[in-house]
Amino acid sequence: MNLQLAVGATALLALVAYALSGGADLGGGIWDLLASGPRKREQRALVEQAIGPIWEANHVWLILVVTVLFTGFPPAFAAISTTLFVPLTVLLVGIVLRGAAFTFRAYDEGGVAVERRWGLIFSMSSVLAPLMLGAIVGALSSGRLRLGPAGEPLGGSMAWLSWFSAATGLLATALFAFLAAVYLTVEARGELLEDFRRRAIAAGVATFLAAATAAGLSWRESPLVFEGLTARAWSLPLHAVTGMAAVGAFWALVTRRFVLARFLAAAQATLIVLGWGASQYPYLLVPDVTLASAAAPPRTLALLLGALGLGALTLIPSLWLLFRVFKRRARVADPHG
């Protein structure tokens, strides 16, 4: 068994889980910012109701990614945390501000003005975090973050910033907004459902445009990703399945099959993240850090996998129970779901 690959795949799957859960929460904050029309307050209330019971738990997946990277690939953790210090810091500030503002908006007794102030911090942080997360993903595969013989970063503090990383930041933001809007169509009723159905379709178009832009820029700024997108044996099947999921999600939204749309949107997001991971393999930081060069000793990797397996016996049932208690709600069944 290839322990390095198994641990790396575990981290990638945790990132997928974070995109589908925490990413959708961030997308909810984006729709909080963009709430408009005569049902603006109702739109924000639905977002708050949807993410309120679960948003803290969803961050467990991001914590898991960091823990696996730190334990299983220490040199990669050191390289990433130094070369990407600026966007990582901004990402963490955005996540912390978002959580604090979300809580204070609900419980602060300072009146409408204070509530609006906290709401603005919450929603702006919800935009900032996915922008930084997507930019980090793009920078990891760009080849711009070079390291010296001792692992020291050779570029400046802004070497991560490029047109490609900006495009991947916009892609993550649009994708999370799309997931959130699709998820909310399942929980909304009446006119609110139509509001978020239209938003989901618009966000899906934005996701397609951002993905096309990032793919085009990868030809010049991230050749490894471009090769993965065009020249590997799995490239065409992956694009075909991803495209089918995206088109199917649009069709389900248009025909109001919202439960099916949620499944297909989640599948589309999953395939996008997995495609990035497969394109970048075997690198953790292109072109100087690979899974093999950064891996901890085999015994450490084996113990890490064992600990993750034992932890899953507690984590997964706990999350299932959390979602069952707080997300299962009495509602009229979707006749097309």
Protein backbone atom coordinates (compact mmCIF):
# COMPACT_ATOMS: atom_id res chain seq x y z
CA MET A 1 0.00 0.00 0.00
CA ASN A 2 1.32 3.47 -0.93
CA LEU A 3 1.04 5.26 2.40
CA GLN A 4 1.99 8.63 0.94
CA LEU A 5 -0.77 8.45 -1.65
CA ALA A 6 -3.32 7.24 0.91
CA VAL A 7 -2.59 10.13 3.28
CA GLY A 8 -2.58 12.65 0.41
CA ALA A 9 -5.90 11.29 -0.87
CA THR A 10 -7.35 11.61 2.63
CA ALA A 11 -6.40 15.29 2.72
CA LEU A 12 -7.93 15.83 -0.72
CA LEU A 13 -11.18 14.13 0.31
CA ALA A 14 -11.31 16.30 3.42
CA LEU A 15 -10.93 19.35 1.17
CA VAL A 16 -13.84 18.08 -0.93
CA ALA A 17 -15.93 17.71 2.23
CA TYR A 18 -15.02 21.26 3.25
CA ALA A 19 -16.02 22.64 -0.14
CA LEU A 20 -19.40 20.88 0.02
CA SER A 21 -20.13 21.99 3.60
CA GLY A 22 -18.03 24.94 4.75
CA GLY A 23 -17.82 26.27 1.20
CA ALA A 24 -21.59 26.32 0.93
CA ASP A 25 -21.72 28.17 4.27
CA LEU A 26 -19.38 30.79 2.84
CA GLY A 27 -21.64 30.98 -0.20
CA GLY A 28 -24.56 31.65 2.12
CA GLY A 29 -22.71 34.69 3.40
CA ILE A 30 -22.29 35.88 -0.20
CA TRP A 31 -26.05 35.73 -0.69
CA ASP A 32 -26.48 37.57 2.59
CA LEU A 33 -24.44 40.38 1.05
CA LEU A 34 -26.38 40.26 -2.22
CA ALA A 35 -29.84 40.01 -0.65
CA SER A 36 -32.17 42.38 -2.49
CA GLY A 37 -35.73 43.11 -3.43
CA PRO A 38 -38.88 43.12 -1.33
CA ARG A 39 -37.87 39.86 0.40
CA LYS A 40 -34.38 40.99 1.40
CA ARG A 41 -34.91 40.38 5.11
CA GLU A 42 -36.52 37.00 4.45
CA GLN A 43 -33.58 35.97 2.24
CA ARG A 44 -31.11 36.81 5.00
CA ALA A 45 -33.26 35.08 7.59
CA LEU A 46 -33.27 31.90 5.48
CA VAL A 47 -29.48 32.01 5.12
CA GLU A 48 -29.11 32.44 8.88
CA GLN A 49 -31.55 29.64 9.59
CA ALA A 50 -29.81 27.30 7.14
CA ILE A 51 -26.22 27.71 8.34
CA GLY A 52 -26.79 28.64 11.99
CA PRO A 53 -26.83 25.15 13.56
CA ILE A 54 -23.95 23.65 11.53
CA TRP A 55 -21.44 26.26 10.37
CA GLU A 56 -18.95 25.68 13.20
CA ALA A 57 -18.96 21.91 12.70
CA ASN A 58 -18.27 22.26 8.97
CA HIS A 59 -14.85 23.78 9.65
CA VAL A 60 -13.70 20.43 11.06
CA TRP A 61 -12.80 19.42 7.51
CA LEU A 62 -10.44 22.36 7.01
CA ILE A 63 -8.83 21.60 10.39
CA LEU A 64 -8.41 18.00 9.25
CA VAL A 65 -6.62 19.12 6.06
CA VAL A 66 -4.18 21.21 8.09
CA THR A 67 -3.60 18.41 10.61
CA VAL A 68 -2.94 15.80 7.92
CA LEU A 69 -0.56 18.14 6.10
CA PHE A 70 1.31 19.05 9.29
CA THR A 71 1.66 15.43 10.46
CA GLY A 72 2.02 13.56 7.19
CA PHE A 73 4.02 16.04 5.11
CA PRO A 74 5.91 18.39 7.48
CA PRO A 75 8.25 19.92 4.85
CA ALA A 76 5.24 20.72 2.66
CA PHE A 77 3.47 22.31 5.62
CA ALA A 78 6.54 24.48 6.28
CA ALA A 79 6.88 25.46 2.63
CA ILE A 80 3.20 26.28 2.16
CA SER A 81 2.88 28.23 5.41
CA THR A 82 5.89 30.40 4.52
CA THR A 83 5.38 30.99 0.79
CA LEU A 84 1.64 31.56 1.27
CA PHE A 85 1.80 33.40 4.58
CA VAL A 86 -0.12 36.44 3.31
CA PRO A 87 -3.17 34.71 1.76
CA LEU A 88 -3.30 32.12 4.56
CA THR A 89 -3.37 34.88 7.16
CA VAL A 90 -6.08 36.77 5.27
CA LEU A 91 -8.07 33.52 4.93
CA LEU A 92 -7.90 32.85 8.67
CA VAL A 93 -8.81 36.43 9.51
CA GLY A 94 -11.79 36.17 7.17
CA ILE A 95 -12.97 32.90 8.74
CA VAL A 96 -12.61 34.22 12.30
CA LEU A 97 -14.26 37.57 11.54
CA ARG A 98 -17.08 35.81 9.74
CA GLY A 99 -17.85 33.53 12.67
CA ALA A 100 -17.61 36.29 15.24
CA ALA A 101 -19.80 38.66 13.22
CA PHE A 102 -22.38 35.96 12.56
CA THR A 103 -22.70 35.32 16.30
CA PHE A 104 -22.69 38.97 17.35
CA ARG A 105 -25.31 39.87 14.76
CA ALA A 106 -27.64 37.32 16.30
CA TYR A 107 -27.09 38.24 19.96
CA ASP A 108 -25.92 41.86 20.11
CA GLU A 109 -28.64 44.10 21.54
CA GLY A 110 -27.35 47.32 20.03
CA GLY A 111 -30.25 47.80 17.65
CA VAL A 112 -30.69 47.78 13.88
CA ALA A 113 -27.57 49.83 13.11
CA VAL A 114 -25.31 47.47 15.05
CA GLU A 115 -26.99 44.46 13.47
CA ARG A 116 -26.32 45.88 10.01
CA ARG A 117 -22.68 46.56 10.89
CA TRP A 118 -22.12 42.98 12.04
CA GLY A 119 -24.02 41.73 9.00
CA LEU A 120 -21.72 43.65 6.67
CA ILE A 121 -18.64 42.21 8.37
CA PHE A 122 -20.13 38.73 8.14
CA SER A 123 -20.98 38.97 4.46
CA MET A 124 -17.75 40.71 3.38
CA SER A 125 -15.70 38.10 5.23
CA SER A 126 -17.74 35.42 3.46
CA VAL A 127 -16.50 36.85 0.15
CA LEU A 128 -12.92 37.34 1.29
CA ALA A 129 -12.42 33.77 2.58
CA PRO A 130 -13.27 31.87 -0.66
CA LEU A 131 -11.30 34.39 -2.72
CA MET A 132 -8.21 33.62 -0.63
CA LEU A 133 -8.86 29.88 -0.53
CA GLY A 134 -9.17 29.70 -4.30
CA ALA A 135 -6.10 31.90 -4.79
CA ILE A 136 -4.10 29.57 -2.52
CA VAL A 137 -5.15 26.56 -4.59
CA GLY A 138 -4.12 28.34 -7.78
CA ALA A 139 -0.78 29.45 -6.34
CA LEU A 140 0.08 25.91 -5.22
CA SER A 141 -0.06 24.70 -8.81
CA SER A 142 1.32 27.77 -10.56
CA GLY A 143 5.04 27.05 -10.16
CA ARG A 144 5.67 30.59 -8.95
CA LEU A 145 6.43 29.62 -5.33
CA ARG A 146 10.02 28.43 -5.64
CA LEU A 147 12.12 27.14 -2.76
CA GLY A 148 15.86 27.19 -2.13
CA PRO A 149 18.03 24.17 -1.19
CA ALA A 150 17.17 24.54 2.51
CA GLY A 151 13.45 24.98 1.79
CA GLU A 152 13.54 28.75 2.10
CA PRO A 153 11.15 30.73 -0.13
CA LEU A 154 12.91 32.45 -3.02
CA GLY A 155 10.10 34.76 -4.10
CA GLY A 156 8.70 37.79 -2.35
CA SER A 157 5.67 37.86 -0.10
CA MET A 158 3.40 38.49 -3.09
CA ALA A 159 4.81 35.80 -5.40
CA TRP A 160 1.54 33.88 -4.97
CA LEU A 161 -0.48 36.59 -6.67
CA SER A 162 -1.06 36.19 -10.41
CA TRP A 163 -3.87 36.36 -12.92
CA PHE A 164 -4.26 32.60 -12.59
CA SER A 165 -4.57 32.67 -8.79
CA ALA A 166 -7.04 35.54 -9.11
CA ALA A 167 -9.10 33.45 -11.53
CA THR A 168 -9.07 30.42 -9.23
CA GLY A 169 -10.12 32.70 -6.37
CA LEU A 170 -13.10 33.89 -8.40
CA LEU A 171 -13.88 30.29 -9.36
CA ALA A 172 -14.00 29.19 -5.72
CA THR A 173 -16.20 32.16 -4.84
CA ALA A 174 -18.64 31.51 -7.69
CA LEU A 175 -18.70 27.77 -6.98
CA PHE A 176 -19.46 28.26 -3.28
CA ALA A 177 -22.21 30.77 -4.12
CA PHE A 178 -23.67 28.24 -6.58
CA LEU A 179 -23.66 25.46 -3.99
CA ALA A 180 -25.28 27.69 -1.39
CA ALA A 181 -28.06 28.85 -3.70
CA VAL A 182 -28.82 25.30 -4.84
CA TYR A 183 -28.87 24.03 -1.27
CA LEU A 184 -31.19 26.86 -0.26
CA THR A 185 -33.71 25.96 -2.97
CA VAL A 186 -34.28 22.72 -1.04
CA GLU A 187 -34.93 24.58 2.21
CA ALA A 188 -36.84 27.58 0.85
CA ARG A 189 -40.56 27.82 0.24
CA GLY A 190 -42.84 29.97 -1.87
CA GLU A 191 -41.36 33.08 -3.43
CA LEU A 192 -38.07 32.64 -1.59
CA LEU A 193 -37.57 29.39 -3.47
CA GLU A 194 -37.86 31.24 -6.76
CA ASP A 195 -35.43 33.91 -5.54
CA PHE A 196 -32.74 31.33 -4.86
CA ARG A 197 -33.52 29.30 -7.96
CA ARG A 198 -32.71 32.35 -10.07
CA ARG A 199 -29.61 33.05 -8.00
CA ALA A 200 -28.45 29.45 -8.42
CA ILE A 201 -28.75 29.68 -12.19
CA ALA A 202 -26.86 32.99 -12.26
CA ALA A 203 -24.12 31.60 -10.00
CA GLY A 204 -23.86 28.53 -12.21
CA VAL A 205 -23.20 30.74 -15.22
CA ALA A 206 -20.58 32.67 -13.22
CA THR A 207 -18.93 29.39 -12.21
CA PHE A 208 -18.71 28.30 -15.85
CA LEU A 209 -17.15 31.61 -16.90
CA ALA A 210 -14.65 31.57 -14.03
CA ALA A 211 -13.71 27.95 -14.76
CA ALA A 212 -13.19 28.72 -18.45
CA THR A 213 -11.03 31.74 -17.57
CA ALA A 214 -8.90 29.73 -15.13
CA ALA A 215 -8.50 26.91 -17.66
CA GLY A 216 -7.41 29.36 -20.35
CA LEU A 217 -4.88 31.07 -18.08
CA SER A 218 -3.47 27.71 -16.95
CA TRP A 219 -1.94 27.23 -20.42
CA ARG A 220 0.59 29.95 -19.67
CA GLU A 221 0.64 30.25 -15.89
CA SER A 222 0.12 26.66 -14.70
CA PRO A 223 1.33 24.19 -17.34
CA LEU A 224 0.96 21.17 -15.05
CA VAL A 225 -2.73 21.86 -14.50
CA PHE A 226 -3.20 22.56 -18.22
CA GLU A 227 -1.63 19.19 -19.02
CA GLY A 228 -3.96 17.54 -16.53
CA LEU A 229 -6.93 19.28 -18.10
CA THR A 230 -6.01 18.31 -21.65
CA ALA A 231 -3.42 15.56 -22.06
CA ARG A 232 -3.82 12.84 -19.42
CA ALA A 233 -5.76 9.62 -19.88
CA TRP A 234 -8.46 10.69 -17.45
CA SER A 235 -8.82 14.27 -18.75
CA LEU A 236 -11.63 13.73 -21.26
CA PRO A 237 -13.71 11.37 -19.06
CA LEU A 238 -13.40 13.79 -16.13
CA HIS A 239 -14.50 16.77 -18.23
CA ALA A 240 -17.37 14.76 -19.68
CA VAL A 241 -18.70 13.68 -16.28
CA THR A 242 -18.20 17.16 -14.78
CA GLY A 243 -20.00 18.73 -17.73
CA MET A 244 -22.86 16.24 -17.41
CA ALA A 245 -23.20 17.08 -13.71
CA ALA A 246 -23.22 20.81 -14.45
CA VAL A 247 -25.75 20.55 -17.27
CA GLY A 248 -27.86 18.17 -15.19
CA ALA A 249 -27.87 20.61 -12.28
CA PHE A 250 -29.07 23.40 -14.59
CA TRP A 251 -31.77 21.17 -16.03
CA ALA A 252 -32.90 20.19 -12.55
CA LEU A 253 -33.10 23.84 -11.52
CA VAL A 254 -35.06 24.80 -14.60
CA THR A 255 -37.50 21.93 -14.11
CA ARG A 256 -37.63 22.52 -10.33
CA ARG A 257 -36.19 19.18 -9.28
CA PHE A 258 -34.34 20.75 -6.39
CA VAL A 259 -33.19 17.66 -4.49
CA LEU A 260 -31.69 16.30 -7.70
CA ALA A 261 -30.11 19.72 -8.39
CA ARG A 262 -28.46 19.63 -4.97
CA PHE A 263 -26.98 16.20 -5.65
CA LEU A 264 -25.67 17.19 -9.10
CA ALA A 265 -24.24 20.51 -7.89
CA ALA A 266 -22.38 18.66 -5.13
CA ALA A 267 -21.12 16.15 -7.70
CA GLN A 268 -19.90 18.98 -9.94
CA ALA A 269 -18.01 20.63 -7.08
CA THR A 270 -16.53 17.30 -6.02
CA LEU A 271 -15.24 16.60 -9.52
CA ILE A 272 -13.72 20.08 -9.82
CA VAL A 273 -11.73 19.64 -6.60
CA LEU A 274 -10.70 16.08 -7.46
CA GLY A 275 -9.67 17.21 -10.94
CA TRP A 276 -7.39 19.86 -9.46
CA GLY A 277 -5.82 17.30 -7.13
CA ALA A 278 -5.28 14.80 -9.94
CA SER A 279 -3.84 17.50 -12.21
CA GLN A 280 -1.31 18.53 -9.57
CA TYR A 281 -0.27 14.99 -8.60
CA PRO A 282 2.42 14.13 -7.46
CA TYR A 283 3.18 17.71 -6.35
CA LEU A 284 2.03 19.40 -3.17
CA LEU A 285 3.81 22.61 -4.15
CA VAL A 286 4.77 22.86 -7.81
CA PRO A 287 7.58 22.29 -8.78
CA ASP A 288 9.73 21.73 -5.69
CA VAL A 289 7.68 19.66 -3.21
CA THR A 290 6.18 16.26 -4.00
CA LEU A 291 4.33 13.71 -1.90
CA ALA A 292 7.45 11.54 -1.80
CA SER A 293 9.91 14.30 -0.94
CA ALA A 294 7.75 15.75 1.84
CA ALA A 295 6.35 12.57 3.38
CA ALA A 296 6.93 11.72 7.02
CA PRO A 297 8.47 8.29 7.88
CA PRO A 298 6.28 5.31 6.92
CA ARG A 299 5.53 4.47 10.55
CA THR A 300 4.24 7.99 11.14
CA LEU A 301 2.04 7.77 8.04
CA ALA A 302 0.68 4.39 9.13
CA LEU A 303 -0.10 5.68 12.63
CA LEU A 304 -1.74 8.77 11.11
CA LEU A 305 -4.00 6.65 8.90
CA GLY A 306 -4.90 4.49 11.90
CA ALA A 307 -5.74 7.55 13.99
CA LEU A 308 -7.85 8.98 11.16
CA GLY A 309 -9.74 5.70 10.86
CA LEU A 310 -10.48 5.61 14.58
CA GLY A 311 -11.44 9.28 14.58
CA ALA A 312 -13.84 8.70 11.70
CA LEU A 313 -15.77 6.25 13.89
CA THR A 314 -16.64 9.21 16.12
CA LEU A 315 -16.65 12.10 13.65
CA ILE A 316 -18.90 10.74 10.92
CA PRO A 317 -21.74 9.48 13.18
CA SER A 318 -21.57 12.76 15.13
CA LEU A 319 -21.91 14.85 11.98
CA TRP A 320 -24.70 12.61 10.72
CA LEU A 321 -26.60 13.10 13.97
CA LEU A 322 -26.00 16.87 13.88
CA PHE A 323 -27.37 17.20 10.38
CA ARG A 324 -30.27 14.85 11.09
CA VAL A 325 -31.33 16.87 14.15
CA PHE A 326 -30.90 20.37 12.73
CA LYS A 327 -31.32 20.02 8.98
CA ARG A 328 -34.26 17.63 8.81
CA ARG A 329 -37.28 19.86 8.79
CA ALA A 330 -40.96 19.36 8.20
CA ARG A 331 -41.71 20.54 4.70
CA VAL A 332 -43.83 19.57 1.75
CA ALA A 333 -41.97 16.98 -0.27
CA ASP A 334 -40.71 18.10 -3.65
CA PRO A 335 -42.84 16.13 -6.13
CA HIS A 336 -39.97 16.17 -8.66
CA GLY A 337 -37.16 15.49 -6.13
